[in-house]
Amino acid sequence: MRRFEGNPRVNIQILPFSAGAHAGMQGSFDVYRFASDASIVYTEGYGSGHPTANPETVKDCSLRYDHLQAAALSLRDSAKLIRRVMEERYGEHHDSGGDSVA
């Protein structure tokens, strides 16, 4: 867990079941944003995937992502939850570097 905490390249947020119905229930998607090129959305369904740079699709998925992020636990609370579940399920184990591992 410590490897990701404080790393500006990795943000992990948990969307708890208690959030109920949410914007991600329509299916999985990835939004890729580039500094000098158009953004791309990659959507997935059973047995297929589809990339698109269609501005309306990118806008829709970006908004869905924003809603998911707003409904999710904070970075700190997500890390606490992951740590708690790891300790409850697997006990506290450490690798040679002192990081907790399952």
N, C-alpha and C. Protein backbone atom coordinates (compact mmCIF):
# COMPACT_ATOMS: atom_id res chain seq x y z
N MET A 1 0.83 -1.18 0.00
CA MET A 1 0.00 0.00 0.00
C MET A 1 0.87 1.25 0.00
N ARG A 2 1.93 1.23 0.75
CA ARG A 2 2.78 2.42 0.85
C ARG A 2 3.38 2.81 -0.48
N ARG A 3 3.56 1.85 -1.37
CA ARG A 3 4.16 2.15 -2.66
C ARG A 3 3.31 3.12 -3.47
N PHE A 4 2.01 3.10 -3.27
CA PHE A 4 1.11 3.95 -4.05
C PHE A 4 0.76 5.25 -3.35
N GLU A 5 0.76 5.22 -2.04
CA GLU A 5 0.40 6.43 -1.30
C GLU A 5 1.45 7.50 -1.54
N GLY A 6 1.00 8.67 -1.87
CA GLY A 6 1.91 9.78 -2.11
C GLY A 6 2.51 9.78 -3.51
N ASN A 7 2.18 8.80 -4.34
CA ASN A 7 2.68 8.75 -5.71
C ASN A 7 1.72 9.54 -6.59
N PRO A 8 2.16 10.65 -7.18
CA PRO A 8 1.24 11.47 -7.98
C PRO A 8 0.75 10.79 -9.25
N ARG A 9 1.36 9.68 -9.64
CA ARG A 9 0.94 8.98 -10.86
C ARG A 9 -0.15 7.94 -10.61
N VAL A 10 -0.36 7.59 -9.35
CA VAL A 10 -1.33 6.54 -9.03
C VAL A 10 -2.33 7.07 -8.00
N ASN A 11 -3.59 7.07 -8.37
CA ASN A 11 -4.67 7.43 -7.46
C ASN A 11 -5.67 6.30 -7.43
N ILE A 12 -5.91 5.76 -6.25
CA ILE A 12 -6.86 4.68 -6.10
C ILE A 12 -8.00 5.17 -5.23
N GLN A 13 -9.22 5.08 -5.78
CA GLN A 13 -10.40 5.46 -5.02
C GLN A 13 -11.40 4.31 -5.09
N ILE A 14 -12.00 4.00 -3.95
CA ILE A 14 -12.98 2.93 -3.84
C ILE A 14 -14.38 3.52 -3.94
N LEU A 15 -15.20 2.91 -4.79
CA LEU A 15 -16.61 3.27 -4.86
C LEU A 15 -17.36 2.20 -4.07
N PRO A 16 -17.78 2.52 -2.85
CA PRO A 16 -18.39 1.49 -1.99
C PRO A 16 -19.78 1.08 -2.49
N PHE A 17 -20.18 -0.14 -2.13
CA PHE A 17 -21.51 -0.62 -2.48
C PHE A 17 -22.59 0.33 -1.95
N SER A 18 -22.30 0.98 -0.83
CA SER A 18 -23.29 1.88 -0.24
C SER A 18 -23.61 3.08 -1.13
N ALA A 19 -22.81 3.31 -2.16
CA ALA A 19 -23.09 4.41 -3.10
C ALA A 19 -24.34 4.11 -3.93
N GLY A 20 -24.71 2.84 -4.02
CA GLY A 20 -25.90 2.47 -4.78
C GLY A 20 -25.69 2.61 -6.28
N ALA A 21 -26.77 2.90 -6.99
CA ALA A 21 -26.69 3.06 -8.44
C ALA A 21 -25.74 4.20 -8.77
N HIS A 22 -24.92 4.00 -9.80
CA HIS A 22 -23.91 5.01 -10.13
C HIS A 22 -23.66 5.06 -11.64
N ALA A 23 -22.89 6.04 -12.06
CA ALA A 23 -22.64 6.30 -13.47
C ALA A 23 -21.83 5.22 -14.16
N GLY A 24 -21.21 4.32 -13.42
CA GLY A 24 -20.41 3.26 -14.02
C GLY A 24 -21.20 2.01 -14.34
N MET A 25 -22.46 2.00 -14.02
CA MET A 25 -23.26 0.79 -14.21
C MET A 25 -23.59 0.52 -15.68
N GLN A 26 -23.36 1.50 -16.53
CA GLN A 26 -23.63 1.31 -17.96
C GLN A 26 -22.53 0.49 -18.64
N GLY A 27 -21.42 0.31 -17.98
CA GLY A 27 -20.33 -0.48 -18.54
C GLY A 27 -18.99 0.18 -18.28
N SER A 28 -17.95 -0.60 -18.50
CA SER A 28 -16.61 -0.07 -18.23
C SER A 28 -16.12 0.80 -19.38
N PHE A 29 -15.25 1.74 -19.03
CA PHE A 29 -14.68 2.63 -20.03
C PHE A 29 -13.38 3.22 -19.49
N ASP A 30 -12.53 3.62 -20.40
CA ASP A 30 -11.29 4.33 -20.07
C ASP A 30 -11.28 5.62 -20.85
N VAL A 31 -10.82 6.68 -20.23
CA VAL A 31 -10.67 7.97 -20.91
C VAL A 31 -9.18 8.27 -20.95
N TYR A 32 -8.67 8.47 -22.15
CA TYR A 32 -7.26 8.79 -22.34
C TYR A 32 -7.17 10.24 -22.81
N ARG A 33 -6.48 11.04 -22.03
CA ARG A 33 -6.30 12.45 -22.36
C ARG A 33 -4.85 12.70 -22.73
N PHE A 34 -4.63 13.43 -23.80
CA PHE A 34 -3.29 13.71 -24.29
C PHE A 34 -3.06 15.21 -24.37
N ALA A 35 -1.83 15.62 -24.18
CA ALA A 35 -1.50 17.04 -24.19
C ALA A 35 -1.70 17.67 -25.58
N SER A 36 -1.32 16.96 -26.64
CA SER A 36 -1.38 17.57 -27.96
C SER A 36 -2.31 16.85 -28.95
N ASP A 37 -3.02 15.83 -28.51
CA ASP A 37 -3.95 15.11 -29.38
C ASP A 37 -5.33 15.07 -28.74
N ALA A 38 -6.30 14.69 -29.55
CA ALA A 38 -7.68 14.58 -29.05
C ALA A 38 -7.78 13.46 -28.02
N SER A 39 -8.68 13.63 -27.07
CA SER A 39 -8.93 12.58 -26.08
C SER A 39 -9.61 11.40 -26.76
N ILE A 40 -9.40 10.22 -26.19
CA ILE A 40 -9.98 8.99 -26.72
C ILE A 40 -10.69 8.27 -25.59
N VAL A 41 -11.82 7.66 -25.91
CA VAL A 41 -12.54 6.82 -24.97
C VAL A 41 -12.50 5.40 -25.50
N TYR A 42 -12.25 4.46 -24.59
CA TYR A 42 -12.27 3.05 -24.93
C TYR A 42 -13.36 2.40 -24.09
N THR A 43 -14.39 1.88 -24.75
CA THR A 43 -15.48 1.22 -24.05
C THR A 43 -15.38 -0.28 -24.27
N GLU A 44 -15.88 -1.04 -23.30
CA GLU A 44 -15.83 -2.49 -23.39
C GLU A 44 -17.19 -3.10 -23.13
N GLY A 45 -17.46 -4.15 -23.81
CA GLY A 45 -18.63 -4.95 -23.58
C GLY A 45 -18.20 -6.41 -23.61
N TYR A 46 -19.13 -7.31 -23.49
CA TYR A 46 -18.81 -8.72 -23.50
C TYR A 46 -18.16 -9.10 -24.84
N GLY A 47 -16.90 -9.45 -24.80
CA GLY A 47 -16.20 -9.92 -25.98
C GLY A 47 -15.79 -8.87 -26.99
N SER A 48 -15.94 -7.59 -26.65
CA SER A 48 -15.55 -6.56 -27.63
C SER A 48 -15.12 -5.28 -26.93
N GLY A 49 -14.33 -4.51 -27.64
CA GLY A 49 -13.91 -3.20 -27.16
C GLY A 49 -13.96 -2.22 -28.32
N HIS A 50 -14.13 -0.95 -28.00
CA HIS A 50 -14.29 0.05 -29.06
C HIS A 50 -13.63 1.36 -28.67
N PRO A 51 -12.58 1.77 -29.39
CA PRO A 51 -12.00 3.09 -29.14
C PRO A 51 -12.71 4.14 -30.00
N THR A 52 -12.85 5.35 -29.48
CA THR A 52 -13.44 6.43 -30.26
C THR A 52 -12.90 7.78 -29.79
N ALA A 53 -12.81 8.70 -30.72
CA ALA A 53 -12.45 10.08 -30.41
C ALA A 53 -13.65 11.00 -30.64
N ASN A 54 -14.83 10.41 -30.79
CA ASN A 54 -16.05 11.20 -31.00
C ASN A 54 -16.21 12.16 -29.82
N PRO A 55 -16.26 13.48 -30.10
CA PRO A 55 -16.32 14.46 -29.01
C PRO A 55 -17.50 14.28 -28.06
N GLU A 56 -18.67 13.86 -28.57
CA GLU A 56 -19.83 13.66 -27.69
C GLU A 56 -19.62 12.47 -26.75
N THR A 57 -19.03 11.40 -27.27
CA THR A 57 -18.76 10.23 -26.44
C THR A 57 -17.70 10.56 -25.39
N VAL A 58 -16.66 11.28 -25.80
CA VAL A 58 -15.61 11.69 -24.86
C VAL A 58 -16.20 12.57 -23.77
N LYS A 59 -17.07 13.51 -24.15
CA LYS A 59 -17.71 14.40 -23.18
C LYS A 59 -18.59 13.61 -22.21
N ASP A 60 -19.39 12.68 -22.74
CA ASP A 60 -20.27 11.87 -21.91
C ASP A 60 -19.47 11.01 -20.92
N CYS A 61 -18.45 10.34 -21.39
CA CYS A 61 -17.65 9.47 -20.51
C CYS A 61 -16.84 10.29 -19.51
N SER A 62 -16.38 11.46 -19.90
CA SER A 62 -15.66 12.32 -18.97
C SER A 62 -16.58 12.76 -17.84
N LEU A 63 -17.82 13.08 -18.16
CA LEU A 63 -18.80 13.46 -17.15
C LEU A 63 -19.12 12.27 -16.24
N ARG A 64 -19.29 11.09 -16.84
CA ARG A 64 -19.53 9.88 -16.04
C ARG A 64 -18.37 9.64 -15.08
N TYR A 65 -17.14 9.81 -15.57
CA TYR A 65 -15.96 9.62 -14.73
C TYR A 65 -15.98 10.61 -13.56
N ASP A 66 -16.29 11.86 -13.85
CA ASP A 66 -16.36 12.88 -12.79
C ASP A 66 -17.38 12.50 -11.72
N HIS A 67 -18.53 11.97 -12.14
CA HIS A 67 -19.56 11.55 -11.19
C HIS A 67 -19.09 10.37 -10.35
N LEU A 68 -18.39 9.42 -10.98
CA LEU A 68 -17.85 8.28 -10.24
C LEU A 68 -16.82 8.73 -9.21
N GLN A 69 -15.96 9.62 -9.62
CA GLN A 69 -14.92 10.12 -8.71
C GLN A 69 -15.55 10.88 -7.53
N ALA A 70 -16.60 11.64 -7.80
CA ALA A 70 -17.26 12.38 -6.73
C ALA A 70 -17.96 11.45 -5.74
N ALA A 71 -18.49 10.32 -6.22
CA ALA A 71 -19.19 9.39 -5.36
C ALA A 71 -18.24 8.46 -4.59
N ALA A 72 -17.01 8.36 -5.04
CA ALA A 72 -16.04 7.45 -4.43
C ALA A 72 -15.49 8.02 -3.13
N LEU A 73 -14.89 7.13 -2.34
CA LEU A 73 -14.20 7.58 -1.13
C LEU A 73 -13.00 8.42 -1.52
N SER A 74 -12.55 9.27 -0.62
CA SER A 74 -11.35 10.07 -0.88
C SER A 74 -10.14 9.15 -1.02
N LEU A 75 -9.04 9.68 -1.50
CA LEU A 75 -7.81 8.89 -1.61
C LEU A 75 -7.41 8.34 -0.25
N ARG A 76 -7.46 9.18 0.76
CA ARG A 76 -7.07 8.77 2.11
C ARG A 76 -8.03 7.70 2.66
N ASP A 77 -9.33 7.93 2.52
CA ASP A 77 -10.30 6.95 3.03
C ASP A 77 -10.23 5.64 2.25
N SER A 78 -9.96 5.71 0.96
CA SER A 78 -9.81 4.49 0.16
C SER A 78 -8.60 3.70 0.64
N ALA A 79 -7.48 4.37 0.91
CA ALA A 79 -6.29 3.69 1.42
C ALA A 79 -6.55 3.06 2.77
N LYS A 80 -7.28 3.77 3.63
CA LYS A 80 -7.62 3.21 4.94
C LYS A 80 -8.47 1.95 4.80
N LEU A 81 -9.45 1.99 3.89
CA LEU A 81 -10.31 0.84 3.69
C LEU A 81 -9.52 -0.35 3.15
N ILE A 82 -8.66 -0.12 2.19
CA ILE A 82 -7.84 -1.20 1.64
C ILE A 82 -6.95 -1.80 2.72
N ARG A 83 -6.34 -0.94 3.50
CA ARG A 83 -5.46 -1.40 4.58
C ARG A 83 -6.25 -2.24 5.60
N ARG A 84 -7.43 -1.75 5.98
CA ARG A 84 -8.25 -2.45 6.97
C ARG A 84 -8.67 -3.82 6.45
N VAL A 85 -9.12 -3.89 5.21
CA VAL A 85 -9.55 -5.16 4.63
C VAL A 85 -8.37 -6.12 4.52
N MET A 86 -7.22 -5.63 4.11
CA MET A 86 -6.03 -6.49 4.02
C MET A 86 -5.68 -7.06 5.39
N GLU A 87 -5.73 -6.22 6.42
CA GLU A 87 -5.39 -6.69 7.77
C GLU A 87 -6.43 -7.68 8.29
N GLU A 88 -7.71 -7.41 8.03
CA GLU A 88 -8.77 -8.31 8.50
C GLU A 88 -8.72 -9.66 7.80
N ARG A 89 -8.47 -9.64 6.51
CA ARG A 89 -8.53 -10.89 5.74
C ARG A 89 -7.23 -11.68 5.76
N TYR A 90 -6.11 -10.97 5.76
CA TYR A 90 -4.83 -11.66 5.58
C TYR A 90 -3.86 -11.48 6.74
N GLY A 91 -4.25 -10.73 7.75
CA GLY A 91 -3.32 -10.45 8.84
C GLY A 91 -2.26 -9.48 8.34
N GLU A 92 -1.40 -9.10 9.21
CA GLU A 92 -0.38 -8.13 8.82
C GLU A 92 0.90 -8.86 8.48
N HIS A 93 1.25 -8.88 7.20
CA HIS A 93 2.47 -9.49 6.71
C HIS A 93 3.31 -8.41 6.06
N HIS A 94 4.62 -8.52 6.17
CA HIS A 94 5.52 -7.52 5.59
C HIS A 94 6.53 -8.19 4.69
N ASP A 95 6.84 -7.52 3.55
CA ASP A 95 7.92 -8.03 2.72
C ASP A 95 9.25 -7.53 3.26
N SER A 96 10.34 -7.84 2.59
CA SER A 96 11.67 -7.48 3.09
C SER A 96 11.87 -5.97 3.17
N GLY A 97 11.10 -5.20 2.40
CA GLY A 97 11.23 -3.74 2.44
C GLY A 97 10.35 -3.11 3.49
N GLY A 98 9.59 -3.90 4.24
CA GLY A 98 8.73 -3.37 5.30
C GLY A 98 7.33 -3.04 4.84
N ASP A 99 7.04 -3.21 3.53
CA ASP A 99 5.70 -2.93 3.03
C ASP A 99 4.78 -4.09 3.34
N SER A 100 3.53 -3.78 3.65
CA SER A 100 2.54 -4.83 3.90
C SER A 100 2.21 -5.54 2.60
N VAL A 101 2.13 -6.86 2.67
CA VAL A 101 1.75 -7.65 1.50
C VAL A 101 0.78 -8.74 1.95
N ALA A 102 0.01 -9.25 1.00
CA ALA A 102 -0.91 -10.34 1.32
C ALA A 102 -0.19 -11.66 1.28
